[in-house]
């Protein structure tokens, strides 16, 4: 079963923490505009800022092979 897109997961986790976008942005150290664009699923975001958000949530990105497309 596929994971929901990262923007959806981050939004759900933010809400689970009971934080609005303004408070979450401040506490995670990113700008409100960045967080809004991230949660909307903007196709291009700064990886350093994404990692900052993930770090605040106690998460990290991991590279994994797609199960249905294992070329290389």
N, C-alpha and C. Protein backbone atom coordinates (compact mmCIF):
# COMPACT_ATOMS: atom_id res chain seq x y z
N UNK A 1 0.84 -1.18 0.00
CA UNK A 1 0.00 0.00 0.00
C UNK A 1 0.89 1.24 0.00
N UNK A 2 0.59 2.17 -0.88
CA UNK A 2 1.41 3.37 -1.04
C UNK A 2 1.19 4.35 0.12
N UNK A 3 2.26 5.02 0.49
CA UNK A 3 2.20 6.06 1.51
C UNK A 3 1.54 7.31 0.91
N UNK A 4 0.81 8.07 1.71
CA UNK A 4 0.29 9.35 1.20
C UNK A 4 1.47 10.28 0.87
N UNK A 5 1.27 11.24 -0.01
CA UNK A 5 2.34 12.19 -0.32
C UNK A 5 2.85 12.88 0.94
N UNK A 6 4.10 13.29 0.91
CA UNK A 6 4.75 13.88 2.08
C UNK A 6 4.01 15.13 2.57
N UNK A 7 3.46 15.92 1.66
CA UNK A 7 2.76 17.13 2.09
C UNK A 7 1.54 16.79 2.94
N UNK A 8 0.83 15.75 2.58
CA UNK A 8 -0.34 15.32 3.34
C UNK A 8 0.07 14.79 4.71
N UNK A 9 1.16 14.03 4.74
CA UNK A 9 1.64 13.48 6.01
C UNK A 9 2.07 14.59 6.97
N UNK A 10 2.79 15.58 6.45
CA UNK A 10 3.24 16.69 7.29
C UNK A 10 2.05 17.47 7.83
N UNK A 11 1.08 17.74 6.98
CA UNK A 11 -0.11 18.48 7.42
C UNK A 11 -0.85 17.71 8.53
N UNK A 12 -1.02 16.40 8.34
CA UNK A 12 -1.70 15.59 9.35
C UNK A 12 -0.93 15.61 10.67
N UNK A 13 0.39 15.50 10.61
CA UNK A 13 1.20 15.50 11.83
C UNK A 13 1.13 16.86 12.53
N UNK A 14 1.14 17.93 11.75
CA UNK A 14 1.02 19.28 12.33
C UNK A 14 -0.29 19.41 13.09
N UNK A 15 -1.37 18.96 12.45
CA UNK A 15 -2.68 19.05 13.09
C UNK A 15 -2.76 18.15 14.32
N UNK A 16 -2.13 16.98 14.24
CA UNK A 16 -2.11 16.08 15.39
C UNK A 16 -1.41 16.72 16.59
N UNK A 17 -0.41 17.56 16.32
CA UNK A 17 0.28 18.29 17.38
C UNK A 17 -0.56 19.46 17.90
N UNK A 18 -1.65 19.76 17.21
CA UNK A 18 -2.52 20.86 17.63
C UNK A 18 -1.95 22.23 17.30
N UNK A 19 -1.13 22.30 16.26
CA UNK A 19 -0.51 23.57 15.88
C UNK A 19 -1.10 24.11 14.60
N UNK A 20 -1.35 25.42 14.56
CA UNK A 20 -1.75 26.03 13.31
C UNK A 20 -0.47 26.27 12.48
N UNK A 21 -0.63 26.69 11.25
CA UNK A 21 0.53 26.86 10.38
C UNK A 21 1.51 27.90 10.92
N UNK A 22 1.01 28.97 11.49
CA UNK A 22 1.87 30.03 12.01
C UNK A 22 2.75 29.50 13.14
N UNK A 23 2.14 28.83 14.10
CA UNK A 23 2.91 28.31 15.23
C UNK A 23 3.88 27.21 14.81
N UNK A 24 3.43 26.35 13.91
CA UNK A 24 4.30 25.27 13.44
C UNK A 24 5.51 25.84 12.71
N UNK A 25 5.27 26.82 11.85
CA UNK A 25 6.38 27.44 11.11
C UNK A 25 7.39 28.05 12.07
N UNK A 26 6.90 28.79 13.05
CA UNK A 26 7.80 29.41 14.03
C UNK A 26 8.60 28.36 14.79
N UNK A 27 7.91 27.35 15.30
CA UNK A 27 8.58 26.35 16.13
C UNK A 27 9.55 25.48 15.34
N UNK A 28 9.25 25.24 14.07
CA UNK A 28 10.15 24.41 13.27
C UNK A 28 11.26 25.24 12.62
N UNK A 29 11.13 26.57 12.65
CA UNK A 29 12.18 27.43 12.13
C UNK A 29 12.12 27.71 10.64
N UNK A 30 10.95 27.50 10.04
CA UNK A 30 10.80 27.82 8.62
C UNK A 30 9.79 28.94 8.47
N UNK A 31 9.74 29.53 7.31
CA UNK A 31 8.80 30.61 7.05
C UNK A 31 7.40 30.08 6.80
N UNK A 32 6.43 30.91 7.10
CA UNK A 32 5.03 30.54 6.89
C UNK A 32 4.75 30.26 5.42
N UNK A 33 5.31 31.06 4.55
CA UNK A 33 5.10 30.86 3.11
C UNK A 33 5.62 29.50 2.67
N UNK A 34 6.80 29.12 3.17
CA UNK A 34 7.37 27.81 2.83
C UNK A 34 6.43 26.70 3.29
N UNK A 35 5.97 26.78 4.53
CA UNK A 35 5.10 25.73 5.07
C UNK A 35 3.81 25.63 4.28
N UNK A 36 3.22 26.77 3.94
CA UNK A 36 1.98 26.75 3.15
C UNK A 36 2.20 26.08 1.80
N UNK A 37 3.31 26.43 1.14
CA UNK A 37 3.61 25.84 -0.16
C UNK A 37 3.88 24.34 -0.03
N UNK A 38 4.57 23.97 1.02
CA UNK A 38 4.87 22.55 1.27
C UNK A 38 3.57 21.77 1.47
N UNK A 39 2.70 22.27 2.31
CA UNK A 39 1.44 21.57 2.58
C UNK A 39 0.51 21.54 1.37
N UNK A 40 0.66 22.49 0.47
CA UNK A 40 -0.15 22.49 -0.76
C UNK A 40 0.42 21.54 -1.80
N UNK A 41 1.64 21.02 -1.55
CA UNK A 41 2.23 20.07 -2.48
C UNK A 41 3.02 20.70 -3.60
N UNK A 42 3.58 21.88 -3.35
CA UNK A 42 4.40 22.53 -4.37
C UNK A 42 5.47 21.55 -4.87
N UNK A 43 5.63 21.50 -6.18
CA UNK A 43 6.52 20.50 -6.78
C UNK A 43 8.00 20.73 -6.45
N UNK A 44 8.38 21.96 -6.19
CA UNK A 44 9.78 22.25 -5.86
C UNK A 44 9.85 22.98 -4.53
N UNK A 45 10.55 22.38 -3.59
CA UNK A 45 10.78 23.00 -2.29
C UNK A 45 12.25 22.82 -1.93
N UNK A 46 12.73 23.67 -1.05
CA UNK A 46 14.13 23.56 -0.61
C UNK A 46 14.28 22.36 0.31
N UNK A 47 15.20 21.49 -0.04
CA UNK A 47 15.41 20.28 0.72
C UNK A 47 15.90 20.57 2.13
N UNK A 48 16.72 21.60 2.31
CA UNK A 48 17.20 21.92 3.65
C UNK A 48 16.05 22.33 4.57
N UNK A 49 15.10 23.07 4.03
CA UNK A 49 13.95 23.48 4.84
C UNK A 49 13.00 22.32 5.09
N UNK A 50 12.84 21.45 4.11
CA UNK A 50 12.03 20.25 4.31
C UNK A 50 12.65 19.40 5.42
N UNK A 51 13.96 19.25 5.39
CA UNK A 51 14.65 18.49 6.44
C UNK A 51 14.48 19.14 7.81
N UNK A 52 14.42 20.46 7.84
CA UNK A 52 14.19 21.18 9.10
C UNK A 52 12.82 20.84 9.67
N UNK A 53 11.82 20.81 8.82
CA UNK A 53 10.46 20.46 9.23
C UNK A 53 10.43 19.01 9.72
N UNK A 54 11.03 18.12 8.94
CA UNK A 54 11.05 16.71 9.32
C UNK A 54 11.79 16.50 10.63
N UNK A 55 12.89 17.21 10.82
CA UNK A 55 13.65 17.10 12.06
C UNK A 55 12.80 17.53 13.25
N UNK A 56 12.06 18.61 13.09
CA UNK A 56 11.17 19.08 14.15
C UNK A 56 10.15 18.00 14.51
N UNK A 57 9.70 17.25 13.51
CA UNK A 57 8.72 16.18 13.73
C UNK A 57 9.37 14.88 14.19
N UNK A 58 10.70 14.85 14.24
CA UNK A 58 11.40 13.63 14.64
C UNK A 58 11.46 12.61 13.51
N UNK A 59 11.45 13.09 12.27
CA UNK A 59 11.45 12.22 11.09
C UNK A 59 12.65 12.54 10.21
N UNK A 60 12.87 11.70 9.19
CA UNK A 60 13.92 11.96 8.21
C UNK A 60 13.52 11.34 6.87
N UNK A 61 14.15 11.81 5.82
CA UNK A 61 13.94 11.24 4.49
C UNK A 61 14.86 10.04 4.32
N UNK A 62 14.40 9.10 3.55
CA UNK A 62 15.19 7.91 3.28
C UNK A 62 15.04 7.55 1.80
N UNK A 63 16.12 7.15 1.19
CA UNK A 63 16.07 6.72 -0.21
C UNK A 63 15.79 5.23 -0.22
N UNK A 64 14.76 4.85 -0.96
CA UNK A 64 14.39 3.44 -1.05
C UNK A 64 14.00 3.13 -2.49
N UNK A 65 14.26 1.93 -2.88
CA UNK A 65 13.92 1.49 -4.24
C UNK A 65 12.41 1.31 -4.35
N UNK A 66 11.85 1.79 -5.43
CA UNK A 66 10.43 1.55 -5.71
C UNK A 66 10.24 0.06 -5.92
N UNK A 67 9.24 -0.50 -5.31
CA UNK A 67 9.00 -1.93 -5.44
C UNK A 67 8.56 -2.29 -6.85
N UNK A 68 7.86 -1.41 -7.52
CA UNK A 68 7.36 -1.72 -8.86
C UNK A 68 8.31 -1.28 -9.97
N UNK A 69 9.41 -0.63 -9.63
CA UNK A 69 10.32 -0.13 -10.66
C UNK A 69 11.75 -0.20 -10.12
N UNK A 70 12.30 -1.39 -10.02
CA UNK A 70 13.59 -1.56 -9.38
C UNK A 70 14.78 -1.53 -10.33
N UNK A 71 14.75 -0.64 -11.31
CA UNK A 71 15.89 -0.53 -12.23
C UNK A 71 17.11 0.03 -11.54
N UNK A 72 18.23 -0.14 -12.10
CA UNK A 72 19.58 0.32 -11.73
C UNK A 72 20.49 -0.86 -11.67
